[in-house]
């Protein structure tokens, strides 16, 4: 991190407008402490200058589906089988730092092990560890034999309510449930509906009473339709969603976090690199085309989409990071570049309920910023070359050679 003076001004950049207006050329972004003080025409006298001529300035990216302690079946799972809590915390801290350096200044963790993410969130907030802002779901609330159920489980409305309260008591601000099968579970059908209506309703009601939102891992149209009807806030993956269910999500304002990067053919080198077993690769291949079609229909129907990768935000994927490749897939499926960028900024901040603090470059918001060399509203692939990353007024990464 590069220490700056109390007042900093980024000068010479083009400010990308994600709200529909024209870009602002030669903008001056004045920063005091952690927040943006103003967007002005000239730098204040005595300010520490960051010269950004020719660069395009955007809000820091938000990735809504990140497991900093990610463990997948195969070689990766075998190598981490005996990982201690201390080793897990250190690995997650390293992944947090790399995520931040990749331009991701805020993440949501929809379930990680042993509440290490909640401890890490506190360390980041105290400035002891460098990483993105963290919104945590604690540990996923699992049912017996459900997807990802390798630890403590709960069954029936009363046990699930208690499990929800346990996670909120531990510090979770989200609750994650798995209402269908999944790629990473070898048994069962990915599209099968696993939780009863009463169980889903109990989880949603218990979480909402505490002001926490609920998201669901789901590849099932049936399970998704039930959960949306019961007031769930967000759906992850949505491998086999139908147009009818997507229209229901649009009507109810339910968010969709596609994580499309995990199922497409160009992702296969990632799974081969981490030593995924044949059964896992077969399950990935079985959902790819339907998953992309679900994303395409969601865009057509106007479903609110937030970016999430289910891979480390910095993970190499098809020549760039998983985060940027996810954005590119959204455009390939029919989004405009601006809409794709909003999924990782404005709209993601709205889902998290922190739109007053992040998501756009405005006075009063955190100085979470990234800079690229070409116009990302013409091509989101401009984000393949992020040259400046700032979080809360501190420079995390500077390849622009413009700071002085």
Protein backbone atom coordinates (compact mmCIF):
# COMPACT_ATOMS: atom_id res chain seq x y z
CA UNK A 1 0.00 0.00 0.00
CA UNK A 2 1.27 3.50 -0.83
CA UNK A 3 0.75 6.09 1.95
CA UNK A 4 -0.80 9.34 0.77
CA UNK A 5 -1.31 12.79 2.21
CA UNK A 6 -4.56 13.75 3.95
CA UNK A 7 -5.87 15.19 0.67
CA UNK A 8 -5.26 13.40 -2.62
CA UNK A 9 -6.39 14.32 -6.12
CA UNK A 10 -6.57 11.98 -9.09
CA UNK A 11 -6.17 14.21 -12.13
CA UNK A 12 -6.44 13.82 -15.90
CA UNK A 13 -8.57 10.67 -16.02
CA UNK A 14 -11.86 10.10 -17.81
CA UNK A 15 -14.56 9.29 -15.26
CA UNK A 16 -16.74 6.43 -16.53
CA UNK A 17 -20.45 7.09 -15.96
CA UNK A 18 -22.46 3.95 -15.24
CA UNK A 19 -25.73 5.81 -14.66
CA UNK A 20 -26.43 6.57 -18.30
CA UNK A 21 -24.75 9.96 -18.66
CA UNK A 22 -21.68 10.90 -20.71
CA UNK A 23 -18.16 10.29 -19.39
CA UNK A 24 -16.39 13.14 -17.63
CA UNK A 25 -13.06 13.94 -19.28
CA UNK A 26 -10.12 15.41 -17.38
CA UNK A 27 -11.91 14.83 -14.10
CA UNK A 28 -10.37 15.64 -10.74
CA UNK A 29 -11.37 13.25 -7.97
CA UNK A 30 -10.55 14.80 -4.61
CA UNK A 31 -10.08 12.32 -1.77
CA UNK A 32 -9.85 13.04 1.93
CA UNK A 33 -9.00 10.11 4.13
CA UNK A 34 -11.07 7.08 3.07
CA UNK A 35 -13.74 8.90 1.09
CA UNK A 36 -14.24 11.04 -2.00
CA UNK A 37 -14.70 14.65 -1.03
CA UNK A 38 -15.66 16.04 -4.43
CA UNK A 39 -15.44 15.75 -8.20
CA UNK A 40 -13.97 19.07 -9.29
CA UNK A 41 -12.34 20.85 -12.19
CA UNK A 42 -9.01 21.51 -10.54
CA UNK A 43 -6.89 19.94 -7.81
CA UNK A 44 -6.79 21.70 -4.43
CA UNK A 45 -3.51 23.40 -3.57
CA UNK A 46 -1.13 21.15 -1.71
CA UNK A 47 -2.90 17.91 -2.58
CA UNK A 48 -0.95 14.74 -3.28
CA UNK A 49 -1.44 14.23 -7.03
CA UNK A 50 -2.04 10.99 -8.87
CA UNK A 51 -1.51 11.80 -12.53
CA UNK A 52 -3.89 9.61 -14.57
CA UNK A 53 -3.79 11.17 -18.02
CA UNK A 54 -5.36 8.87 -20.62
CA UNK A 55 -6.78 6.46 -18.05
CA UNK A 56 -10.42 5.55 -17.46
CA UNK A 57 -11.58 5.57 -13.85
CA UNK A 58 -14.27 3.18 -12.49
CA UNK A 59 -15.58 2.17 -9.08
CA UNK A 60 -13.81 -0.76 -7.44
CA UNK A 61 -15.32 -4.09 -8.48
CA UNK A 62 -17.68 -6.18 -6.36
CA UNK A 63 -17.60 -9.98 -6.58
CA UNK A 64 -20.66 -11.52 -4.95
CA UNK A 65 -19.65 -15.19 -4.93
CA UNK A 66 -16.22 -15.74 -3.45
CA UNK A 67 -14.94 -18.55 -1.23
CA UNK A 68 -11.55 -17.39 0.03
CA UNK A 69 -11.11 -20.82 1.59
CA UNK A 70 -12.23 -22.63 -1.56
CA UNK A 71 -11.66 -26.40 -1.63
CA UNK A 72 -12.81 -28.39 -4.67
CA UNK A 73 -12.90 -32.18 -5.16
CA UNK A 74 -9.80 -33.97 -6.39
CA UNK A 75 -6.14 -33.04 -5.92
CA UNK A 76 -7.02 -29.73 -4.26
CA UNK A 77 -9.18 -31.45 -1.67
CA UNK A 78 -6.52 -34.08 -0.96
CA UNK A 79 -3.78 -31.50 -0.49
CA UNK A 80 -5.89 -29.48 1.97
CA UNK A 81 -7.44 -32.42 3.83
CA UNK A 82 -5.41 -31.78 6.99
CA UNK A 83 -5.46 -27.98 6.85
CA UNK A 84 -5.57 -26.49 10.34
CA UNK A 85 -7.64 -23.46 11.29
CA UNK A 86 -4.47 -21.37 11.41
CA UNK A 87 -3.44 -22.53 7.94
CA UNK A 88 -6.93 -21.84 6.60
CA UNK A 89 -6.89 -18.30 8.01
CA UNK A 90 -3.49 -17.58 6.47
CA UNK A 91 -4.53 -18.99 3.09
CA UNK A 92 -7.68 -16.90 3.12
CA UNK A 93 -5.73 -13.76 4.05
CA UNK A 94 -3.38 -14.35 1.12
CA UNK A 95 -6.33 -14.86 -1.24
CA UNK A 96 -7.95 -11.69 0.09
CA UNK A 97 -4.87 -9.65 -0.72
CA UNK A 98 -4.63 -11.10 -4.24
CA UNK A 99 -8.33 -10.40 -4.80
CA UNK A 100 -7.86 -6.77 -3.84
CA UNK A 101 -4.88 -6.39 -6.13
CA UNK A 102 -7.07 -7.76 -8.96
CA UNK A 103 -9.36 -4.73 -8.58
CA UNK A 104 -12.04 -6.37 -6.41
CA UNK A 105 -12.56 -4.05 -3.47
CA UNK A 106 -15.70 -5.70 -2.03
CA UNK A 107 -16.71 -9.35 -1.84
CA UNK A 108 -19.58 -11.42 -0.53
CA UNK A 109 -18.67 -14.84 0.87
CA UNK A 110 -21.68 -17.18 0.59
CA UNK A 111 -20.39 -19.79 2.99
CA UNK A 112 -16.86 -20.58 4.11
CA UNK A 113 -15.43 -22.91 6.73
CA UNK A 114 -15.07 -22.49 10.48
CA UNK A 115 -16.03 -18.78 10.49
CA UNK A 116 -12.52 -17.89 9.39
CA UNK A 117 -14.04 -15.38 6.97
CA UNK A 118 -15.75 -13.52 9.81
CA UNK A 119 -12.47 -13.32 11.69
CA UNK A 120 -10.76 -12.15 8.49
CA UNK A 121 -13.44 -9.49 7.99
CA UNK A 122 -12.60 -8.06 11.39
CA UNK A 123 -8.87 -8.08 10.64
CA UNK A 124 -9.48 -6.25 7.34
CA UNK A 125 -11.70 -3.66 9.03
CA UNK A 126 -9.01 -3.05 11.70
CA UNK A 127 -6.35 -2.63 9.01
CA UNK A 128 -4.37 -5.67 10.15
CA UNK A 129 -4.83 -7.47 6.83
CA UNK A 130 -5.13 -6.00 3.35
CA UNK A 131 -8.19 -7.27 1.54
CA UNK A 132 -11.60 -6.34 0.12
CA UNK A 133 -14.57 -5.34 2.22
CA UNK A 134 -16.21 -8.61 3.25
CA UNK A 135 -19.91 -9.46 3.52
CA UNK A 136 -20.21 -12.92 5.02
CA UNK A 137 -22.82 -15.67 5.20
CA UNK A 138 -20.79 -17.56 7.79
CA UNK A 139 -21.07 -21.30 7.23
CA UNK A 140 -23.67 -22.56 4.78
CA UNK A 141 -26.81 -23.84 6.49
CA UNK A 142 -26.89 -27.45 5.27
CA UNK A 143 -29.50 -30.18 5.35
CA UNK A 144 -28.55 -33.84 5.77
CA UNK A 145 -27.27 -35.30 2.47
CA UNK A 146 -27.63 -31.91 0.77
CA UNK A 147 -25.14 -30.27 -1.57
CA UNK A 148 -21.99 -29.38 0.35
CA UNK A 149 -23.20 -31.10 3.53
CA UNK A 150 -19.87 -32.22 4.96
CA UNK A 151 -20.20 -30.69 8.43
CA UNK A 152 -22.97 -29.79 10.84
CA UNK A 153 -26.45 -30.17 9.33
CA UNK A 154 -30.02 -29.22 10.27
CA UNK A 155 -33.35 -30.69 9.18
CA UNK A 156 -36.88 -29.43 9.49
CA UNK A 157 -38.03 -25.86 10.17
CA UNK A 158 -37.07 -25.71 13.85
CA UNK A 159 -33.53 -27.00 13.43
CA UNK A 160 -32.99 -24.70 10.46
CA UNK A 161 -34.23 -21.65 12.36
CA UNK A 162 -31.72 -22.46 15.10
CA UNK A 163 -28.94 -22.85 12.52
CA UNK A 164 -29.80 -19.48 10.99
CA UNK A 165 -29.65 -17.83 14.40
CA UNK A 166 -26.33 -19.54 15.09
CA UNK A 167 -24.76 -18.02 11.97
CA UNK A 168 -26.18 -14.57 12.64
CA UNK A 169 -24.88 -14.80 16.20
CA UNK A 170 -21.44 -15.60 14.79
CA UNK A 171 -21.55 -12.40 12.73
CA UNK A 172 -23.13 -13.39 9.41
CA UNK A 173 -25.13 -10.73 7.57
CA UNK A 174 -26.28 -13.20 4.92
CA UNK A 175 -27.56 -16.76 5.10
CA UNK A 176 -26.72 -19.33 2.42
CA UNK A 177 -28.71 -22.51 1.82
CA UNK A 178 -28.47 -25.20 -0.87
CA UNK A 179 -31.92 -26.00 -2.25
CA UNK A 180 -30.76 -28.25 -5.10
CA UNK A 181 -27.95 -30.59 -6.04
CA UNK A 182 -24.65 -29.21 -7.28
CA UNK A 183 -21.64 -29.80 -9.49
CA UNK A 184 -19.23 -30.36 -6.60
CA UNK A 185 -21.37 -33.09 -4.98
CA UNK A 186 -20.92 -36.45 -6.69
CA UNK A 187 -24.30 -37.88 -5.72
CA UNK A 188 -27.75 -36.98 -7.05
CA UNK A 189 -29.07 -34.82 -9.84
CA UNK A 190 -27.90 -31.20 -10.02
CA UNK A 191 -31.47 -30.09 -10.81
CA UNK A 192 -33.19 -32.00 -8.00
CA UNK A 193 -35.13 -29.98 -5.39
CA UNK A 194 -33.84 -30.91 -1.92
CA UNK A 195 -35.42 -28.67 0.71
CA UNK A 196 -39.12 -28.67 1.59
CA UNK A 197 -41.25 -25.56 1.22
CA UNK A 198 -41.56 -25.37 5.00
CA UNK A 199 -37.79 -25.51 5.45
CA UNK A 200 -37.12 -22.73 2.93
CA UNK A 201 -39.86 -20.58 4.41
CA UNK A 202 -38.45 -21.03 7.93
CA UNK A 203 -34.95 -19.98 6.85
CA UNK A 204 -36.15 -16.89 4.97
CA UNK A 205 -38.41 -15.78 7.81
CA UNK A 206 -35.79 -16.33 10.53
CA UNK A 207 -33.08 -14.45 8.61
CA UNK A 208 -35.29 -11.54 7.62
CA UNK A 209 -36.36 -11.06 11.25
CA UNK A 210 -32.71 -10.29 12.04
CA UNK A 211 -32.24 -8.06 9.00
CA UNK A 212 -30.13 -10.66 7.17
CA UNK A 213 -30.67 -11.56 3.53
CA UNK A 214 -30.84 -15.10 2.17
CA UNK A 215 -29.28 -16.57 -0.94
CA UNK A 216 -29.62 -20.09 -2.32
CA UNK A 217 -27.40 -22.37 -4.30
CA UNK A 218 -29.82 -23.70 -6.91
CA UNK A 219 -29.74 -25.41 -10.26
CA UNK A 220 -33.38 -26.45 -10.02
CA UNK A 221 -36.27 -24.56 -11.65
CA UNK A 222 -38.73 -26.12 -9.21
CA UNK A 223 -36.73 -25.29 -6.09
CA UNK A 224 -35.96 -21.79 -7.37
CA UNK A 225 -39.62 -21.04 -8.11
CA UNK A 226 -40.54 -22.13 -4.58
CA UNK A 227 -37.78 -20.07 -2.97
CA UNK A 228 -38.61 -16.96 -5.00
CA UNK A 229 -42.26 -17.26 -4.06
CA UNK A 230 -41.24 -17.46 -0.40
CA UNK A 231 -39.25 -14.24 -0.57
CA UNK A 232 -35.64 -15.33 -1.00
CA UNK A 233 -33.32 -12.45 -1.93
CA UNK A 234 -30.89 -14.06 -4.37
CA UNK A 235 -30.21 -17.19 -6.42
CA UNK A 236 -26.69 -18.52 -7.10
CA UNK A 237 -25.73 -20.38 -10.30
CA UNK A 238 -29.20 -21.16 -11.72
CA UNK A 239 -27.87 -23.82 -14.07
CA UNK A 240 -31.24 -24.98 -15.44
CA UNK A 241 -33.51 -21.98 -14.85
CA UNK A 242 -36.45 -21.60 -17.23
CA UNK A 243 -37.91 -18.45 -18.74
CA UNK A 244 -41.00 -18.84 -16.56
CA UNK A 245 -38.93 -18.89 -13.36
CA UNK A 246 -36.79 -15.99 -14.56
CA UNK A 247 -39.91 -13.92 -15.17
CA UNK A 248 -40.98 -14.70 -11.62
CA UNK A 249 -37.57 -13.51 -10.37
CA UNK A 250 -37.92 -10.31 -12.38
CA UNK A 251 -41.38 -9.67 -10.93
CA UNK A 252 -40.23 -10.27 -7.35
CA UNK A 253 -36.93 -8.38 -7.72
CA UNK A 254 -34.89 -11.48 -6.90
CA UNK A 255 -31.22 -11.15 -7.80
CA UNK A 256 -29.36 -13.70 -9.91
CA UNK A 257 -25.61 -14.36 -9.44
CA UNK A 258 -24.80 -16.64 -12.40
CA UNK A 259 -21.14 -17.66 -11.77
CA UNK A 260 -21.17 -18.57 -15.45
CA UNK A 261 -17.39 -18.85 -15.51
CA UNK A 262 -17.50 -22.20 -13.67
CA UNK A 263 -19.37 -24.12 -16.36
CA UNK A 264 -18.08 -22.98 -19.73
CA UNK A 265 -15.67 -24.99 -21.94
CA UNK A 266 -12.93 -22.37 -21.75
CA UNK A 267 -12.88 -22.90 -17.97
CA UNK A 268 -11.79 -26.54 -18.27
CA UNK A 269 -8.04 -25.75 -18.00
CA UNK A 270 -8.75 -24.37 -14.50
CA UNK A 271 -10.30 -27.63 -13.36
CA UNK A 272 -7.52 -29.65 -14.97
CA UNK A 273 -4.94 -27.46 -13.25
CA UNK A 274 -6.39 -28.15 -9.80
CA UNK A 275 -6.70 -31.89 -10.50
CA UNK A 276 -10.48 -32.25 -10.64
CA UNK A 277 -11.62 -35.92 -10.94
CA UNK A 278 -13.42 -37.24 -14.06
CA UNK A 279 -16.85 -37.28 -12.40
CA UNK A 280 -16.49 -33.58 -11.59
CA UNK A 281 -15.51 -32.69 -15.15
CA UNK A 282 -18.49 -34.66 -16.45
CA UNK A 283 -20.86 -32.70 -14.21
CA UNK A 284 -19.34 -29.40 -15.35
CA UNK A 285 -19.81 -30.38 -19.00
CA UNK A 286 -23.38 -31.51 -18.34
CA UNK A 287 -24.53 -28.03 -17.29
CA UNK A 288 -22.51 -25.73 -19.57
CA UNK A 289 -24.91 -25.11 -22.51
CA UNK A 290 -28.07 -24.96 -20.34
CA UNK A 291 -26.34 -22.65 -17.87
CA UNK A 292 -25.36 -20.19 -20.61
CA UNK A 293 -28.89 -20.30 -22.02
CA UNK A 294 -30.29 -19.51 -18.56
CA UNK A 295 -27.99 -16.47 -18.37
CA UNK A 296 -29.02 -15.34 -21.85
CA UNK A 297 -32.72 -15.60 -20.97
CA UNK A 298 -32.19 -13.80 -17.66
CA UNK A 299 -30.65 -10.87 -19.52
CA UNK A 300 -33.55 -10.83 -22.01
CA UNK A 301 -36.11 -10.87 -19.18
CA UNK A 302 -34.42 -8.05 -17.28
CA UNK A 303 -33.56 -10.05 -14.15
CA UNK A 304 -31.26 -8.14 -11.81
CA UNK A 305 -27.82 -9.71 -12.15
CA UNK A 306 -24.86 -9.37 -9.83
CA UNK A 307 -21.39 -10.55 -10.73
CA UNK A 308 -20.00 -13.59 -8.92
CA UNK A 309 -17.42 -16.15 -9.97
CA UNK A 310 -17.27 -19.06 -7.48
CA UNK A 311 -13.56 -18.99 -8.27
CA UNK A 312 -10.98 -16.78 -6.62
CA UNK A 313 -11.47 -13.28 -8.09
CA UNK A 314 -7.85 -13.27 -9.25
CA UNK A 315 -7.86 -16.85 -10.61
CA UNK A 316 -6.36 -17.12 -14.09
CA UNK A 317 -9.12 -17.96 -16.53
CA UNK A 318 -8.87 -17.83 -20.32
CA UNK A 319 -6.05 -15.30 -20.29
CA UNK A 320 -7.45 -12.97 -17.64
CA UNK A 321 -8.91 -13.14 -14.14
CA UNK A 322 -12.09 -15.04 -13.33
CA UNK A 323 -13.79 -11.73 -12.45
CA UNK A 324 -13.06 -10.11 -15.81
CA UNK A 325 -13.88 -13.29 -17.74
CA UNK A 326 -17.26 -13.43 -15.97
CA UNK A 327 -17.97 -9.89 -17.19
CA UNK A 328 -17.01 -10.85 -20.73
CA UNK A 329 -19.41 -13.81 -20.64
CA UNK A 330 -22.24 -11.45 -19.66
CA UNK A 331 -21.59 -9.38 -22.78
CA UNK A 332 -21.36 -12.52 -24.91
CA UNK A 333 -24.79 -13.53 -23.52
CA UNK A 334 -26.38 -10.23 -24.52
CA UNK A 335 -25.56 -7.54 -21.96
CA UNK A 336 -24.26 -4.16 -22.99
CA UNK A 337 -20.81 -3.37 -21.60
CA UNK A 338 -22.34 -0.76 -19.28
CA UNK A 339 -24.90 -3.24 -17.92
CA UNK A 340 -22.12 -5.78 -17.33
CA UNK A 341 -20.04 -3.20 -15.48
CA UNK A 342 -23.08 -2.29 -13.37
CA UNK A 343 -23.43 -5.93 -12.33
CA UNK A 344 -20.04 -5.60 -10.64
CA UNK A 345 -20.58 -2.10 -9.22
CA UNK A 346 -23.92 -0.29 -8.97
CA UNK A 347 -26.22 -3.31 -8.93
CA UNK A 348 -23.96 -5.41 -6.71
CA UNK A 349 -23.83 -2.58 -4.18
CA UNK A 350 -27.63 -2.42 -4.26
CA UNK A 351 -27.94 -6.13 -3.47
CA UNK A 352 -25.57 -5.73 -0.53
CA UNK A 353 -27.47 -2.68 0.70
CA UNK A 354 -24.35 -0.49 0.68
CA UNK A 355 -25.12 1.75 -2.29
CA UNK A 356 -24.54 4.83 -0.11
CA UNK A 357 -20.90 3.80 0.37
CA UNK A 358 -19.75 2.07 -2.84
CA UNK A 359 -20.74 1.30 -6.42
CA UNK A 360 -20.28 4.70 -8.06
CA UNK A 361 -17.70 7.46 -7.97
CA UNK A 362 -19.45 10.21 -6.01
CA UNK A 363 -18.75 12.62 -3.18
CA UNK A 364 -19.22 10.97 0.19
CA UNK A 365 -18.53 7.41 -1.00
CA UNK A 366 -15.46 5.35 -0.23
CA UNK A 367 -12.53 6.01 -2.53
CA UNK A 368 -12.62 2.47 -3.94
CA UNK A 369 -11.39 2.93 -7.51
CA UNK A 370 -9.74 1.17 -10.42
CA UNK A 371 -8.21 2.58 -13.60
CA UNK A 372 -7.77 1.02 -17.04
CA UNK A 373 -6.12 2.19 -20.25
CA UNK A 374 -9.08 2.00 -22.65
CA UNK A 375 -12.80 2.71 -22.51
CA UNK A 376 -14.57 -0.17 -20.70
CA UNK A 377 -18.01 1.03 -21.87
CA UNK A 378 -16.93 0.04 -25.39
CA UNK A 379 -15.38 -3.26 -24.34
CA UNK A 380 -15.28 -4.77 -20.86
CA UNK A 381 -12.07 -6.49 -21.94
CA UNK A 382 -10.42 -3.17 -21.07
CA UNK A 383 -10.42 -4.59 -17.54
CA UNK A 384 -7.85 -7.15 -18.63
CA UNK A 385 -5.39 -4.30 -18.09
CA UNK A 386 -6.12 -2.78 -14.67
CA UNK A 387 -3.27 -0.39 -13.93
CA UNK A 388 -4.42 1.28 -10.70
CA UNK A 389 -6.34 -0.07 -7.71
CA UNK A 390 -7.33 2.06 -4.73
CA UNK A 391 -9.31 1.06 -1.67
CA UNK A 392 -10.44 3.62 0.91
CA UNK A 393 -8.02 6.20 -0.44
CA UNK A 394 -4.95 3.94 -0.34
CA UNK A 395 -3.19 2.75 -3.47
CA UNK A 396 -3.08 -1.05 -3.58
CA UNK A 397 -1.64 -1.44 -7.06
CA UNK A 398 -0.05 1.11 -9.37
CA UNK A 399 1.19 0.13 -12.81
CA UNK A 400 0.35 3.51 -14.30
CA UNK A 401 3.62 5.16 -13.20
CA UNK A 402 1.61 8.31 -12.64
CA UNK A 403 1.70 8.71 -8.85
CA UNK A 404 3.83 11.51 -7.43
